[in-house]
Amino acid sequence: MTEELSKKTAVVIPLYNEEAVIENILLELKEKYPSCSIIVVDDSSIDNSYKKACIKDIYLLKHSINLGQGAALQTGIEYAKELGCSYVVTFDSDGQHNPDDIEPFVQRLDKGDVDIVLGSRFLGTTENMPMGKKYLLKLSRFFTWITTGIWLTDSHNGFRAINIKKFPNFEITQNRMAHASEIINIIKSLGMKYTEMPCHIRYTDYSLQKGQSMWNSINIVIDYLIGSISK
């Protein structure tokens, strides 16, 4: 990635109880993209995540109470705006995402023909993906299509690149995990041009242990519907 493009880009990482992996993730990102603004939002972790994320040249913010991943992302996006960044890449803190995917996503966004680039593990590759999760994620595509009219190959992927300079009103209001569904609805309501690109997802024993269960996925749908109705 060019120096100019790197300086326009912020990587926003919501953090909650990832003391085992967050330091290595941040050091890898910092090494690959030294000119990017790396913004970590600690969502009131109860372990040593905040301490592990205290790394030079990393912007580290902290919620005083636990609000949820959606709220942490929005806090990071708002801070990226204050820094004057044009693009935001959302990146998970559990080690599933691959830093190498950041550059092609930002380069595509910089072409100007799309406003948001959505990661798809089904267009890309996965390592050690459980069969049950695979089918659940594929089923979620129909829910997204029914509620938004947008058909995606992977509707709940946390890896994405957003043009926040063009869309400063891009705002996540679903504080918790339902934000992934809400983002698709934001794309529709703001008339954003979108595309999917392949990304690589790494499922490890650690990330699978920390991941969402099938029942949590059902709760996410309920949260999204309740949030949509209450607006």
Protein backbone atom coordinates (compact mmCIF):
# COMPACT_ATOMS: atom_id res chain seq x y z
CA MET A 1 0.00 0.00 0.00
CA THR A 2 1.33 3.45 -0.87
CA GLU A 3 2.25 5.86 1.90
CA GLU A 4 -0.49 8.28 0.83
CA LEU A 5 -3.17 5.60 0.84
CA SER A 6 -2.00 4.23 4.18
CA LYS A 7 -2.28 7.65 5.80
CA LYS A 8 -5.89 7.91 4.63
CA THR A 9 -6.79 4.55 6.21
CA ALA A 10 -7.79 3.60 9.74
CA VAL A 11 -8.06 0.02 10.97
CA VAL A 12 -10.75 -0.12 13.67
CA ILE A 13 -10.60 -3.05 16.08
CA PRO A 14 -13.29 -3.67 18.71
CA LEU A 15 -11.70 -5.42 21.68
CA TYR A 16 -13.24 -7.46 24.46
CA ASN A 17 -11.39 -10.05 26.54
CA GLU A 18 -8.76 -11.07 23.97
CA GLU A 19 -5.64 -10.86 26.14
CA ALA A 20 -4.23 -14.08 24.65
CA VAL A 21 -3.99 -12.77 21.07
CA ILE A 22 -4.46 -9.00 20.81
CA GLU A 23 -0.81 -8.02 21.28
CA ASN A 24 0.42 -10.23 18.43
CA ILE A 25 -2.40 -9.04 16.16
CA LEU A 26 -1.53 -5.38 16.75
CA LEU A 27 2.20 -5.92 16.29
CA GLU A 28 1.55 -7.70 12.99
CA LEU A 29 -0.72 -4.90 11.77
CA LYS A 30 1.75 -2.25 12.85
CA GLU A 31 4.58 -4.01 11.01
CA LYS A 32 2.61 -4.42 7.78
CA TYR A 33 0.94 -1.00 7.80
CA PRO A 34 3.11 1.42 9.82
CA SER A 35 1.43 4.51 8.32
CA CYS A 36 -2.17 3.42 8.93
CA SER A 37 -4.06 4.66 11.96
CA ILE A 38 -4.73 1.57 14.07
CA ILE A 39 -7.61 2.29 16.45
CA VAL A 40 -8.46 -0.17 19.22
CA VAL A 41 -11.65 0.29 21.22
CA ASP A 42 -11.60 -1.73 24.42
CA ASP A 43 -15.21 -2.43 25.34
CA SER A 44 -14.56 -2.58 29.08
CA SER A 45 -12.66 -5.87 29.05
CA ILE A 46 -12.39 -7.66 32.39
CA ASP A 47 -9.07 -9.35 31.58
CA ASN A 48 -5.69 -7.81 30.62
CA SER A 49 -6.71 -6.93 27.05
CA TYR A 50 -6.34 -3.19 27.58
CA LYS A 51 -2.85 -3.59 29.04
CA LYS A 52 -1.80 -5.89 26.17
CA ALA A 53 -3.06 -3.34 23.65
CA CYS A 54 -0.98 -0.50 25.14
CA ILE A 55 1.48 -0.39 22.28
CA LYS A 56 3.33 2.64 20.93
CA ASP A 57 1.61 4.40 18.00
CA ILE A 58 -1.64 2.46 18.53
CA TYR A 59 -4.69 4.60 19.31
CA LEU A 60 -6.31 2.92 22.32
CA LEU A 61 -9.77 3.98 23.47
CA LYS A 62 -11.83 2.47 26.26
CA HIS A 63 -15.53 2.24 27.07
CA SER A 64 -16.19 2.70 30.79
CA ILE A 65 -18.96 0.08 30.55
CA ASN A 66 -19.49 -2.83 28.19
CA LEU A 67 -21.69 -1.66 25.31
CA GLY A 68 -21.12 -4.30 22.63
CA GLN A 69 -19.17 -4.76 19.42
CA GLY A 70 -21.38 -2.48 17.35
CA ALA A 71 -20.87 0.38 19.78
CA ALA A 72 -17.10 -0.21 19.83
CA LEU A 73 -16.99 -0.06 16.04
CA GLN A 74 -18.93 3.18 15.99
CA THR A 75 -16.62 4.73 18.59
CA GLY A 76 -13.66 3.75 16.42
CA ILE A 77 -15.28 5.13 13.27
CA GLU A 78 -15.98 8.46 14.97
CA TYR A 79 -12.38 8.68 16.12
CA ALA A 80 -11.15 7.89 12.60
CA LYS A 81 -13.19 10.87 11.38
CA GLU A 82 -11.52 13.08 13.99
CA LEU A 83 -8.13 11.92 12.72
CA GLY A 84 -9.15 12.95 9.20
CA CYS A 85 -9.11 9.43 7.75
CA SER A 86 -11.00 8.74 4.53
CA TYR A 87 -11.32 4.97 4.85
CA VAL A 88 -12.04 2.60 7.71
CA VAL A 89 -11.30 -1.12 7.72
CA THR A 90 -13.13 -3.06 10.44
CA PHE A 91 -10.99 -5.87 11.82
CA ASP A 92 -11.75 -8.49 14.49
CA SER A 93 -9.57 -8.91 17.57
CA ASP A 94 -9.67 -12.71 17.86
CA GLY A 95 -7.15 -13.53 15.13
CA GLN A 96 -9.60 -14.71 12.47
CA HIS A 97 -8.87 -11.94 9.97
CA ASN A 98 -5.79 -11.76 7.77
CA PRO A 99 -3.90 -8.43 7.66
CA ASP A 100 -2.85 -9.16 4.07
CA ASP A 101 -6.48 -8.63 2.98
CA ILE A 102 -6.45 -4.98 4.05
CA GLU A 103 -4.40 -3.65 1.15
CA PRO A 104 -6.53 -4.97 -1.76
CA PHE A 105 -9.74 -3.87 -0.02
CA VAL A 106 -8.50 -0.31 0.47
CA GLN A 107 -7.10 -0.18 -3.06
CA ARG A 108 -10.50 -1.17 -4.45
CA LEU A 109 -12.21 1.47 -2.34
CA ASP A 110 -9.73 4.08 -3.54
CA LYS A 111 -10.72 3.46 -7.16
CA GLY A 112 -13.93 5.33 -6.38
CA ASP A 113 -16.41 3.02 -8.06
CA VAL A 114 -17.70 1.59 -4.77
CA ASP A 115 -18.35 3.08 -1.33
CA ILE A 116 -18.00 -0.05 0.78
CA VAL A 117 -16.19 -3.34 0.21
CA LEU A 118 -17.57 -6.36 2.05
CA GLY A 119 -15.43 -9.38 2.85
CA SER A 120 -16.66 -12.81 1.80
CA ARG A 121 -15.17 -16.00 3.18
CA PHE A 122 -17.19 -17.93 0.59
CA LEU A 123 -15.47 -16.11 -2.27
CA GLY A 124 -12.15 -16.46 -0.48
CA THR A 125 -10.82 -19.22 1.73
CA THR A 126 -11.37 -20.52 5.24
CA GLU A 127 -9.30 -22.65 7.58
CA ASN A 128 -10.97 -25.19 9.90
CA MET A 129 -14.49 -23.80 9.44
CA PRO A 130 -17.07 -25.95 11.31
CA MET A 131 -19.74 -27.39 9.04
CA GLY A 132 -22.57 -26.15 11.27
CA LYS A 133 -21.27 -22.58 11.13
CA LYS A 134 -20.93 -22.80 7.36
CA TYR A 135 -24.58 -23.74 6.89
CA LEU A 136 -25.78 -21.19 9.44
CA LEU A 137 -23.90 -18.41 7.65
CA LYS A 138 -25.27 -19.47 4.30
CA LEU A 139 -28.78 -19.50 5.75
CA SER A 140 -28.29 -15.96 7.07
CA ARG A 141 -27.95 -14.74 3.48
CA PHE A 142 -31.68 -15.35 2.98
CA PHE A 143 -32.54 -13.37 6.12
CA THR A 144 -30.44 -10.46 4.83
CA TRP A 145 -32.08 -10.66 1.41
CA ILE A 146 -35.60 -10.76 2.90
CA THR A 147 -34.99 -7.80 5.23
CA THR A 148 -32.89 -5.59 2.92
CA GLY A 149 -33.33 -6.85 -0.64
CA ILE A 150 -29.54 -7.18 -0.93
CA TRP A 151 -28.13 -10.57 -1.86
CA LEU A 152 -24.64 -11.32 -0.56
CA THR A 153 -22.52 -14.45 -0.48
CA ASP A 154 -21.48 -13.66 3.12
CA SER A 155 -23.73 -11.30 5.04
CA HIS A 156 -22.11 -11.53 8.49
CA ASN A 157 -18.43 -10.98 7.87
CA GLY A 158 -16.73 -8.50 10.18
CA PHE A 159 -14.05 -7.62 7.64
CA ARG A 160 -15.02 -4.63 5.49
CA ALA A 161 -13.69 -1.32 4.15
CA ILE A 162 -15.84 1.83 4.27
CA ASN A 163 -15.50 5.26 2.67
CA ILE A 164 -16.30 7.42 5.69
CA LYS A 165 -15.20 10.63 3.96
CA LYS A 166 -17.92 10.26 1.34
CA PHE A 167 -20.42 8.98 3.92
CA PRO A 168 -19.74 10.79 7.20
CA ASN A 169 -23.32 9.91 8.21
CA PHE A 170 -22.49 6.19 8.24
CA GLU A 171 -23.60 5.40 11.78
CA ILE A 172 -24.06 2.09 13.58
CA THR A 173 -26.84 2.23 16.17
CA GLN A 174 -27.10 -1.47 17.01
CA ASN A 175 -24.68 -1.71 19.92
CA ARG A 176 -24.21 -5.46 19.96
CA MET A 177 -23.79 -8.19 17.34
CA ALA A 178 -26.88 -7.22 15.34
CA HIS A 179 -24.79 -4.40 13.88
CA ALA A 180 -23.68 -6.75 11.07
CA SER A 181 -27.25 -6.94 9.77
CA GLU A 182 -27.75 -3.23 10.38
CA ILE A 183 -24.74 -2.35 8.22
CA ILE A 184 -26.39 -4.02 5.22
CA ASN A 185 -29.48 -1.94 5.88
CA ILE A 186 -27.31 1.22 6.10
CA ILE A 187 -25.88 0.41 2.66
CA LYS A 188 -29.42 0.34 1.28
CA SER A 189 -30.72 3.42 3.12
CA LEU A 190 -27.72 5.59 2.17
CA GLY A 191 -27.61 4.32 -1.40
CA MET A 192 -24.01 3.18 -1.06
CA LYS A 193 -22.37 1.36 -3.95
CA TYR A 194 -21.05 -1.94 -2.67
CA THR A 195 -19.13 -4.98 -3.75
CA GLU A 196 -17.87 -8.19 -2.18
CA MET A 197 -14.27 -9.32 -2.31
CA PRO A 198 -12.60 -12.55 -1.21
CA CYS A 199 -11.06 -12.60 2.24
CA HIS A 200 -9.33 -15.25 4.27
CA ILE A 201 -10.79 -16.40 7.61
CA ARG A 202 -8.69 -18.41 10.06
CA TYR A 203 -10.64 -20.53 12.54
CA THR A 204 -8.45 -21.65 15.42
CA ASP A 205 -9.36 -23.58 18.55
CA TYR A 206 -9.15 -20.27 20.39
CA SER A 207 -11.40 -18.29 18.03
CA LEU A 208 -13.95 -21.11 17.83
CA GLN A 209 -14.13 -21.26 21.59
CA LYS A 210 -14.74 -17.51 21.69
CA GLY A 211 -17.13 -17.46 18.74
CA GLN A 212 -20.89 -17.13 18.51
CA SER A 213 -23.05 -20.17 19.19
CA MET A 214 -26.10 -21.01 17.09
CA TRP A 215 -28.38 -19.77 19.88
CA ASN A 216 -26.48 -16.48 19.98
CA SER A 217 -27.04 -16.16 16.25
CA ILE A 218 -30.78 -16.46 16.81
CA ASN A 219 -30.56 -13.80 19.53
CA ILE A 220 -28.74 -11.52 17.07
CA VAL A 221 -31.67 -11.78 14.66
CA ILE A 222 -34.11 -10.97 17.46
CA ASP A 223 -32.02 -7.97 18.58
CA TYR A 224 -31.91 -6.66 15.01
CA LEU A 225 -35.69 -6.99 14.53
CA ILE A 226 -36.43 -5.30 17.87
CA GLY A 227 -33.98 -2.48 17.05
CA SER A 228 -35.48 -1.99 13.60
CA ILE A 229 -39.05 -1.87 14.94
CA SER A 230 -38.18 0.61 17.68
CA LYS A 231 -36.74 3.17 15.26
